[in-house]
Amino acid sequence: MTEKKKRRGFKKKRYTIPIIIIILLVAFRIYLPTLIKNYINDVLADIPGYYGQVEDIDLALYRGAYVIDGMYLDKVTADTQVPFLKFPKNDISIEWKSLFKGEIVSEIIMYNPEVIYVFEDQKQTPAEGEPNVDDWTKALTDIVPLEINNFEVYDGKLAFVQLQADPNIDLYINQLDLKAKNLRNVVEKNRVLPSPITATGVSIGQGKVSLDGNMNLIKEIPDMDIAFSLEDADATALNDFTRHYAGLDFDKGTFGVYSEIAIADGYLKGYVKPLLTDTKLIGKDDGFLGVLWEGFVGIFKFILKNQGTDTLATRVPLEGDLNNVESGVWPTIFNIFENAWIQAFKGEVDDDIDFEDAFNDPNLTKEEKKELRKKRREKRREERKNDTTDGFFKRLFDGKEKEEDDN
């Protein structure tokens, strides 16, 4: 072989090898979405008692992202065709601003996700059993291998559906927007609760839903300080639910729910406060029994309602270990009557549960606990001084407080 032929063969190899590599890379890039799609479908198939799939995968390598389109998950024993999880579009990517801070974490943005709990579907137990926390965690980490630092939801839906009830029950929150940031403590590492979370939505009856707070998800049992409110929802929208479980209808009125929850070192403290305003209840049946029931409800509501503001409310306290959260029965009953005769609960978050409230410190001395109780009594007295409501119970509690002052 002459030197000229050798040189020509070398030139061919110099161009052929890069071209082959480029063709292989292009082919791999074209096939990669299918490879990822099949992988995710296998992950979903491995969740015990559930089946699901994704329709398509879009890659955006320039920003280190992939988009999962048409993902759904449902129980294998479900009788309905309503998916338990339906996620039309999910954008999963590297969070670049955290990368510049030396942390490799991800962010997820979900568009129009739906979580619909169909009671009849979920109460059936598959032969392979229910998935546990480890199963769900494994599925999430297989789909999103990087730790999630930023999580956003736009126009989501949460729903509880009971199809075999008469009438059917459909409770939901639509137009759900949620933002949870700094979940892996990339910034503000010295803060006790470094991860802010906010959410808004529209409930059944066109109520305004709001959630606001801060968390620390790094701990095994996350610390948090969260406030939730549902305001100005049309009470008649609950009629399917109340008719099925209590044989009652709302003829008019609005309802709301207010709550604050604080968790610190596995100890929880908080409350849930349902509130009904300007409501009128009617019985399920017509005739004499229906009229009798309506009269009973009217009298009972008169006893429990603050007649000045036409508000019926109670406050259910929550406190204790997370494995045994219990609501106090007698405090609940007392709060009903306190609301009826002393003061109408405000239509807002009370803002009296702080993160520090969740600390259950067994090392406090009797003197320290006594001092804390004294400060709380002083705070309550100051609040009641601003209450203009008159009546027997008001004077009764004023008298009790006077005795405490004398002591």
Protein backbone atom coordinates (compact mmCIF):
# COMPACT_ATOMS: atom_id res chain seq x y z
CA MET A 1 0.00 0.00 0.00
CA THR A 2 1.40 3.29 -1.07
CA GLU A 3 1.83 6.23 1.28
CA LYS A 4 -0.87 8.11 -0.62
CA LYS A 5 -3.48 5.38 -0.03
CA LYS A 6 -2.61 5.21 3.65
CA ARG A 7 -3.09 8.93 3.95
CA ARG A 8 -6.48 8.72 2.19
CA GLY A 9 -7.65 5.92 4.52
CA PHE A 10 -6.60 7.89 7.56
CA LYS A 11 -8.61 10.89 6.36
CA LYS A 12 -11.71 8.70 5.90
CA LYS A 13 -11.40 7.35 9.45
CA ARG A 14 -10.90 10.86 10.80
CA TYR A 15 -14.30 11.88 9.44
CA THR A 16 -16.12 8.56 9.67
CA ILE A 17 -15.59 7.95 13.39
CA PRO A 18 -16.92 11.38 14.52
CA ILE A 19 -19.89 11.00 12.16
CA ILE A 20 -20.69 7.57 13.61
CA ILE A 21 -20.41 8.97 17.15
CA ILE A 22 -22.72 11.87 16.25
CA ILE A 23 -25.25 9.48 14.68
CA LEU A 24 -25.17 7.27 17.78
CA LEU A 25 -25.65 10.28 20.06
CA VAL A 26 -28.58 11.54 17.97
CA ALA A 27 -30.14 8.07 17.99
CA PHE A 28 -29.64 7.81 21.74
CA ARG A 29 -31.19 11.27 22.22
CA ILE A 30 -34.18 10.24 20.11
CA TYR A 31 -34.62 6.98 22.04
CA LEU A 32 -33.88 8.43 25.49
CA PRO A 33 -37.45 9.74 26.15
CA THR A 34 -38.83 6.27 25.38
CA LEU A 35 -36.22 4.72 27.67
CA ILE A 36 -37.19 7.08 30.52
CA LYS A 37 -40.90 6.53 29.84
CA ASN A 38 -40.53 2.74 30.09
CA TYR A 39 -38.46 3.12 33.25
CA ILE A 40 -41.09 5.31 34.96
CA ASN A 41 -43.88 2.94 33.91
CA ASP A 42 -41.93 0.08 35.54
CA VAL A 43 -41.57 2.17 38.72
CA LEU A 44 -45.34 2.80 38.83
CA ALA A 45 -46.04 -0.89 38.22
CA ASP A 46 -43.91 -1.81 41.25
CA ILE A 47 -46.14 0.14 43.70
CA PRO A 48 -48.13 -2.59 45.53
CA GLY A 49 -51.85 -2.55 44.75
CA TYR A 50 -51.64 0.22 42.14
CA TYR A 51 -51.20 0.53 38.41
CA GLY A 52 -50.36 3.54 36.26
CA GLN A 53 -48.44 4.89 33.33
CA VAL A 54 -47.16 8.01 31.60
CA GLU A 55 -48.07 9.03 28.06
CA ASP A 56 -44.93 10.85 27.02
CA ILE A 57 -41.59 12.28 28.13
CA ASP A 58 -40.10 15.51 26.83
CA LEU A 59 -36.42 16.28 27.42
CA ALA A 60 -34.81 19.70 27.76
CA LEU A 61 -31.14 18.82 28.19
CA TYR A 62 -30.01 22.43 27.93
CA ARG A 63 -31.62 23.15 31.31
CA GLY A 64 -31.23 19.69 32.83
CA ALA A 65 -34.95 18.95 32.81
CA TYR A 66 -37.53 16.45 31.69
CA VAL A 67 -41.31 16.82 31.51
CA ILE A 68 -43.65 13.93 32.35
CA ASP A 69 -46.89 14.19 30.38
CA GLY A 70 -50.14 12.33 31.09
CA MET A 71 -49.18 10.51 34.28
CA TYR A 72 -51.87 8.70 36.25
CA LEU A 73 -52.08 6.15 39.08
CA ASP A 74 -55.02 4.13 40.36
CA LYS A 75 -55.83 1.12 42.52
CA VAL A 76 -55.95 -2.26 40.81
CA THR A 77 -59.22 -3.02 42.65
CA ALA A 78 -60.93 0.26 41.70
CA ASP A 79 -64.43 -0.08 40.28
CA THR A 80 -64.55 3.43 38.83
CA GLN A 81 -62.61 4.91 35.94
CA VAL A 82 -61.55 7.92 38.03
CA PRO A 83 -57.76 7.93 38.58
CA PHE A 84 -56.56 8.42 42.16
CA LEU A 85 -53.64 10.53 40.90
CA LYS A 86 -53.80 12.39 37.60
CA PHE A 87 -50.80 14.58 36.72
CA PRO A 88 -51.12 15.99 33.18
CA LYS A 89 -47.81 17.91 33.14
CA ASN A 90 -44.86 17.71 35.55
CA ASP A 91 -41.68 19.68 34.97
CA ILE A 92 -38.68 18.19 36.83
CA SER A 93 -35.33 19.96 36.58
CA ILE A 94 -32.08 20.83 38.30
CA GLU A 95 -32.43 23.97 40.40
CA TRP A 96 -29.63 26.05 38.92
CA LYS A 97 -29.54 28.76 41.56
CA SER A 98 -28.83 26.08 44.19
CA LEU A 99 -26.15 24.57 41.96
CA PHE A 100 -24.34 27.90 42.09
CA LYS A 101 -24.43 27.58 45.90
CA GLY A 102 -22.76 24.17 45.76
CA GLU A 103 -25.92 22.04 46.18
CA ILE A 104 -27.24 19.62 43.55
CA VAL A 105 -31.01 19.57 44.12
CA SER A 106 -34.13 19.56 41.97
CA GLU A 107 -37.33 21.53 41.57
CA ILE A 108 -40.74 20.23 40.50
CA ILE A 109 -43.52 22.26 38.93
CA MET A 110 -46.89 20.52 38.47
CA TYR A 111 -49.64 21.87 36.23
CA ASN A 112 -53.31 20.91 36.75
CA PRO A 113 -52.64 17.92 39.04
CA GLU A 114 -55.65 16.10 40.51
CA VAL A 115 -55.84 13.91 43.61
CA ILE A 116 -59.32 12.36 43.77
CA TYR A 117 -60.07 10.04 46.69
CA VAL A 118 -63.00 7.83 45.66
CA PHE A 119 -64.21 6.28 48.92
CA GLU A 120 -65.45 3.02 47.38
CA ASP A 121 -62.20 2.48 45.46
CA GLN A 122 -59.88 3.19 48.38
CA LYS A 123 -61.68 1.03 50.96
CA GLN A 124 -60.93 -2.11 48.94
CA THR A 125 -57.67 -3.83 49.89
CA PRO A 126 -55.72 -5.39 46.99
CA ALA A 127 -54.44 -8.96 47.28
CA GLU A 128 -50.84 -7.72 47.43
CA GLY A 129 -51.70 -5.34 50.27
CA GLU A 130 -51.47 -1.58 50.66
CA PRO A 131 -48.24 0.29 49.90
CA ASN A 132 -46.37 1.61 52.92
CA VAL A 133 -44.34 4.79 53.30
CA ASP A 134 -41.19 3.08 52.03
CA ASP A 135 -42.96 2.02 48.82
CA TRP A 136 -44.10 5.58 48.08
CA THR A 137 -40.69 7.00 49.01
CA LYS A 138 -38.89 4.53 46.73
CA ALA A 139 -41.20 5.38 43.83
CA LEU A 140 -40.62 9.12 44.30
CA THR A 141 -36.83 8.81 44.55
CA ASP A 142 -36.74 6.52 41.49
CA ILE A 143 -38.64 9.11 39.44
CA VAL A 144 -36.85 12.14 40.93
CA PRO A 145 -33.33 10.97 41.88
CA LEU A 146 -32.25 14.39 43.18
CA GLU A 147 -33.56 15.76 46.48
CA ILE A 148 -36.43 18.21 45.95
CA ASN A 149 -35.72 21.77 47.10
CA ASN A 150 -38.53 23.67 45.37
CA PHE A 151 -42.08 22.39 44.78
CA GLU A 152 -44.85 24.29 43.01
CA VAL A 153 -48.42 23.43 42.00
CA TYR A 154 -50.62 25.44 39.65
CA ASP A 155 -54.38 24.99 39.23
CA GLY A 156 -54.56 21.71 41.12
CA LYS A 157 -57.55 19.85 42.57
CA LEU A 158 -58.14 17.82 45.75
CA ALA A 159 -61.41 15.90 46.06
CA PHE A 160 -63.25 13.37 48.24
CA VAL A 161 -65.97 11.45 46.39
CA GLN A 162 -68.46 8.92 47.74
CA LEU A 163 -70.46 7.53 44.83
CA GLN A 164 -72.63 5.02 46.72
CA ALA A 165 -73.95 7.64 49.12
CA ASP A 166 -77.47 8.94 48.54
CA PRO A 167 -77.03 11.58 47.27
CA ASN A 168 -73.48 11.31 45.94
CA ILE A 169 -70.88 13.24 47.95
CA ASP A 170 -68.29 15.41 46.21
CA LEU A 171 -66.11 17.63 48.43
CA TYR A 172 -63.27 19.43 46.71
CA ILE A 173 -60.76 22.26 46.54
CA ASN A 174 -60.18 23.64 43.04
CA GLN A 175 -57.76 26.19 41.59
CA LEU A 176 -55.14 25.06 44.09
CA ASP A 177 -51.84 26.94 43.86
CA LEU A 178 -49.00 25.92 46.18
CA LYS A 179 -45.39 26.97 46.65
CA ALA A 180 -42.90 25.29 49.00
CA LYS A 181 -39.36 26.63 48.86
CA ASN A 182 -35.95 25.78 50.31
CA LEU A 183 -37.10 22.30 51.37
CA ARG A 184 -33.52 21.02 51.67
CA ASN A 185 -32.24 24.07 53.58
CA VAL A 186 -29.94 25.24 50.79
CA VAL A 187 -30.17 28.80 52.13
CA GLU A 188 -30.96 30.22 55.59
CA LYS A 189 -29.56 27.08 57.22
CA ASN A 190 -29.47 28.70 60.66
CA ARG A 191 -33.21 29.36 60.78
CA VAL A 192 -35.29 26.99 62.89
CA LEU A 193 -38.00 26.83 60.21
CA PRO A 194 -36.21 27.67 56.95
CA SER A 195 -38.77 26.42 54.41
CA PRO A 196 -41.75 28.72 53.65
CA ILE A 197 -44.98 27.26 52.27
CA THR A 198 -48.06 29.05 50.91
CA ALA A 199 -51.21 27.79 49.21
CA THR A 200 -54.52 29.20 47.96
CA GLY A 201 -57.60 27.61 46.44
CA VAL A 202 -61.37 27.63 46.03
CA SER A 203 -63.46 25.12 47.98
CA ILE A 204 -66.90 23.66 47.45
CA GLY A 205 -69.38 26.49 47.90
CA GLN A 206 -66.85 29.00 46.49
CA GLY A 207 -64.99 29.34 49.80
CA LYS A 208 -61.55 30.95 49.92
CA VAL A 209 -58.82 28.53 51.01
CA SER A 210 -55.49 29.77 52.34
CA LEU A 211 -52.46 28.11 53.94
CA ASP A 212 -49.35 29.86 55.16
CA GLY A 213 -46.42 28.78 57.29
CA ASN A 214 -42.85 27.58 57.65
CA MET A 215 -41.30 24.14 58.00
CA ASN A 216 -38.12 22.18 58.56
CA LEU A 217 -38.35 18.96 56.54
CA ILE A 218 -34.77 17.87 57.19
CA LYS A 219 -35.79 16.35 60.53
CA GLU A 220 -37.24 12.84 60.68
CA ILE A 221 -40.43 14.29 62.17
CA PRO A 222 -40.66 17.69 60.46
CA ASP A 223 -41.01 20.84 62.55
CA MET A 224 -43.60 23.32 61.32
CA ASP A 225 -45.77 26.30 62.13
CA ILE A 226 -48.81 26.37 59.82
CA ALA A 227 -52.02 28.43 59.65
CA PHE A 228 -55.00 27.33 57.52
CA SER A 229 -58.32 29.00 56.75
CA LEU A 230 -61.40 28.29 54.66
CA GLU A 231 -63.68 31.33 54.53
CA ASP A 232 -67.12 32.38 53.26
CA ALA A 233 -68.19 29.08 51.68
CA ASP A 234 -71.89 28.63 50.87
CA ALA A 235 -73.26 26.24 53.50
CA THR A 236 -75.89 24.84 51.10
CA ALA A 237 -73.04 23.30 49.09
CA LEU A 238 -72.58 20.85 52.00
CA ASN A 239 -76.14 19.54 51.77
CA ASP A 240 -75.26 16.27 50.02
CA PHE A 241 -72.74 15.54 52.79
CA THR A 242 -74.93 16.61 55.75
CA ARG A 243 -78.05 14.98 54.29
CA HIS A 244 -76.27 11.63 54.03
CA TYR A 245 -74.57 11.65 57.45
CA ALA A 246 -77.00 13.71 59.55
CA GLY A 247 -80.28 13.94 57.63
CA LEU A 248 -79.99 17.74 57.53
CA ASP A 249 -79.98 20.47 54.91
CA PHE A 250 -78.73 24.02 55.13
CA ASP A 251 -81.36 26.42 53.83
CA LYS A 252 -78.87 29.31 53.87
CA GLY A 253 -75.67 30.57 55.47
CA THR A 254 -71.90 30.35 55.16
CA PHE A 255 -69.28 28.15 56.80
CA GLY A 256 -65.58 28.43 57.49
CA VAL A 257 -62.77 26.42 59.06
CA TYR A 258 -59.74 27.95 60.79
CA SER A 259 -56.74 26.10 62.13
CA GLU A 260 -53.21 26.56 63.42
CA ILE A 261 -50.77 23.70 63.89
CA ALA A 262 -47.26 23.78 65.38
CA ILE A 263 -44.93 20.79 65.60
CA ALA A 264 -41.60 20.81 67.42
CA ASP A 265 -39.46 17.78 68.26
CA GLY A 266 -42.37 15.43 67.55
CA TYR A 267 -44.82 17.30 69.79
CA LEU A 268 -47.91 18.89 68.27
CA LYS A 269 -50.10 21.71 69.48
CA GLY A 270 -52.90 23.49 67.67
CA TYR A 271 -56.62 23.76 67.09
CA VAL A 272 -59.35 23.40 64.48
CA LYS A 273 -62.19 25.93 64.58
CA PRO A 274 -65.30 25.34 62.43
CA LEU A 275 -67.63 28.33 62.12
CA LEU A 276 -71.18 28.73 60.75
CA THR A 277 -72.68 32.16 60.07
CA ASP A 278 -76.30 33.13 59.40
CA THR A 279 -77.29 29.50 58.88
CA LYS A 280 -80.73 27.91 58.85
CA LEU A 281 -81.10 24.13 59.08
CA ILE A 282 -84.06 22.12 57.79
CA GLY A 283 -84.91 18.47 58.39
CA LYS A 284 -84.70 15.69 55.84
CA ASP A 285 -88.34 14.57 55.97
CA ASP A 286 -91.62 16.41 55.60
CA GLY A 287 -94.65 16.02 57.83
CA PHE A 288 -94.98 16.13 61.60
CA LEU A 289 -91.62 14.44 62.35
CA GLY A 290 -89.83 16.76 59.95
CA VAL A 291 -91.38 19.84 61.56
CA LEU A 292 -90.55 18.47 65.02
CA TRP A 293 -86.93 17.87 64.01
CA GLU A 294 -86.63 21.34 62.48
CA GLY A 295 -87.96 22.84 65.70
CA PHE A 296 -85.46 20.86 67.77
CA VAL A 297 -82.59 22.00 65.56
CA GLY A 298 -83.79 25.60 65.83
CA ILE A 299 -83.86 25.48 69.64
CA PHE A 300 -80.50 23.74 69.85
CA LYS A 301 -78.93 26.27 67.51
CA PHE A 302 -80.39 29.11 69.56
CA ILE A 303 -78.63 27.73 72.62
CA LEU A 304 -75.31 27.34 70.84
CA LYS A 305 -75.36 30.43 68.64
CA ASN A 306 -74.16 33.91 69.52
CA GLN A 307 -77.31 35.90 68.77
CA GLY A 308 -75.42 39.17 68.29
CA THR A 309 -73.31 38.02 65.35
CA ASP A 310 -75.45 35.05 64.26
CA THR A 311 -72.41 32.80 64.50
CA LEU A 312 -72.12 29.18 65.60
CA ALA A 313 -68.58 28.04 66.30
CA THR A 314 -66.40 25.83 68.40
CA ARG A 315 -62.68 25.27 68.77
CA VAL A 316 -61.24 21.76 68.93
CA PRO A 317 -57.80 21.80 70.61
CA LEU A 318 -55.09 19.44 69.40
CA GLU A 319 -52.10 18.59 71.53
CA GLY A 320 -49.80 15.67 72.16
CA ASP A 321 -47.46 13.17 70.57
CA LEU A 322 -47.87 12.82 66.81
CA ASN A 323 -48.67 9.15 67.22
CA ASN A 324 -51.61 9.96 69.48
CA VAL A 325 -53.24 13.30 68.56
CA GLU A 326 -56.41 13.65 70.61
CA SER A 327 -59.10 16.32 70.75
CA GLY A 328 -60.32 17.27 74.22
CA VAL A 329 -64.07 16.65 74.57
CA TRP A 330 -64.79 18.96 77.50
CA PRO A 331 -62.76 21.90 76.14
CA THR A 332 -64.75 21.52 72.92
CA ILE A 333 -68.08 21.64 74.77
CA PHE A 334 -66.96 24.60 76.86
CA ASN A 335 -65.87 26.50 73.76
CA ILE A 336 -69.30 26.00 72.18
CA PHE A 337 -71.03 27.62 75.14
CA GLU A 338 -68.33 30.26 75.53
CA ASN A 339 -68.95 31.26 71.94
CA ALA A 340 -72.71 31.31 72.50
CA TRP A 341 -72.77 33.62 75.51
CA ILE A 342 -69.42 35.34 75.99
CA GLN A 343 -67.96 36.25 72.64
CA ALA A 344 -68.35 35.35 69.00
CA PHE A 345 -65.25 33.77 67.60
CA LYS A 346 -63.60 36.04 65.10
CA GLY A 347 -63.80 35.02 61.45
CA GLU A 348 -60.01 34.72 61.18
CA VAL A 349 -57.06 32.71 62.37
CA ASP A 350 -56.64 33.32 66.11
CA ASP A 351 -52.86 33.70 65.71
CA ASP A 352 -52.28 32.34 69.21
CA ILE A 353 -50.39 29.15 68.33
CA ASP A 354 -46.65 29.71 67.95
CA PHE A 355 -43.84 27.29 67.17
CA GLU A 356 -42.68 27.58 70.79
CA ASP A 357 -46.10 26.32 71.95
CA ALA A 358 -45.26 22.87 70.61
CA PHE A 359 -42.26 22.41 72.93
CA ASN A 360 -43.13 19.93 75.67
CA ASP A 361 -40.24 20.67 78.00
CA PRO A 362 -40.27 18.26 80.97
CA ASN A 363 -37.39 20.14 82.60
CA LEU A 364 -39.44 23.17 83.63
CA THR A 365 -39.64 23.61 87.39
CA LYS A 366 -42.93 24.12 89.23
CA GLU A 367 -42.06 27.78 89.71
CA GLU A 368 -41.41 28.25 85.98
CA LYS A 369 -44.67 26.53 85.06
CA LYS A 370 -46.51 28.68 87.60
CA GLU A 371 -44.98 31.81 86.08
CA LEU A 372 -46.05 30.71 82.59
CA ARG A 373 -49.62 30.10 83.77
CA LYS A 374 -49.64 33.53 85.39
CA LYS A 375 -48.59 35.19 82.13
CA ARG A 376 -51.29 33.32 80.22
CA ARG A 377 -53.95 34.43 82.71
CA GLU A 378 -52.80 38.02 82.37
CA LYS A 379 -53.02 37.74 78.60
CA ARG A 380 -56.55 36.32 78.76
CA ARG A 381 -57.66 39.05 81.16
CA GLU A 382 -56.30 41.71 78.83
CA GLU A 383 -58.21 40.16 75.91
CA ARG A 384 -61.45 40.03 77.88
CA LYS A 385 -61.12 43.65 78.91
CA ASN A 386 -61.58 44.50 75.25
CA ASP A 387 -64.70 42.32 74.98
CA THR A 388 -67.88 44.44 75.22
CA THR A 389 -70.25 41.45 75.44
CA ASP A 390 -72.46 41.58 78.54
CA GLY A 391 -74.32 38.75 80.24
CA PHE A 392 -74.28 36.30 83.07
CA PHE A 393 -71.32 34.23 81.92
CA LYS A 394 -69.23 37.36 81.28
CA ARG A 395 -69.83 38.60 84.80
CA LEU A 396 -69.19 35.11 86.15
CA PHE A 397 -65.77 34.90 84.53
CA ASP A 398 -64.96 38.47 85.52
CA GLY A 399 -65.66 37.47 89.10
CA LYS A 400 -63.42 34.45 88.79
CA GLU A 401 -60.63 36.58 87.41
CA LYS A 402 -61.04 39.04 90.26
CA GLU A 403 -60.49 36.18 92.70
CA GLU A 404 -57.33 35.22 90.82
CA ASP A 405 -56.13 38.82 90.99
CA ASP A 406 -56.76 38.89 94.74
CA ASN A 407 -54.67 35.73 95.11
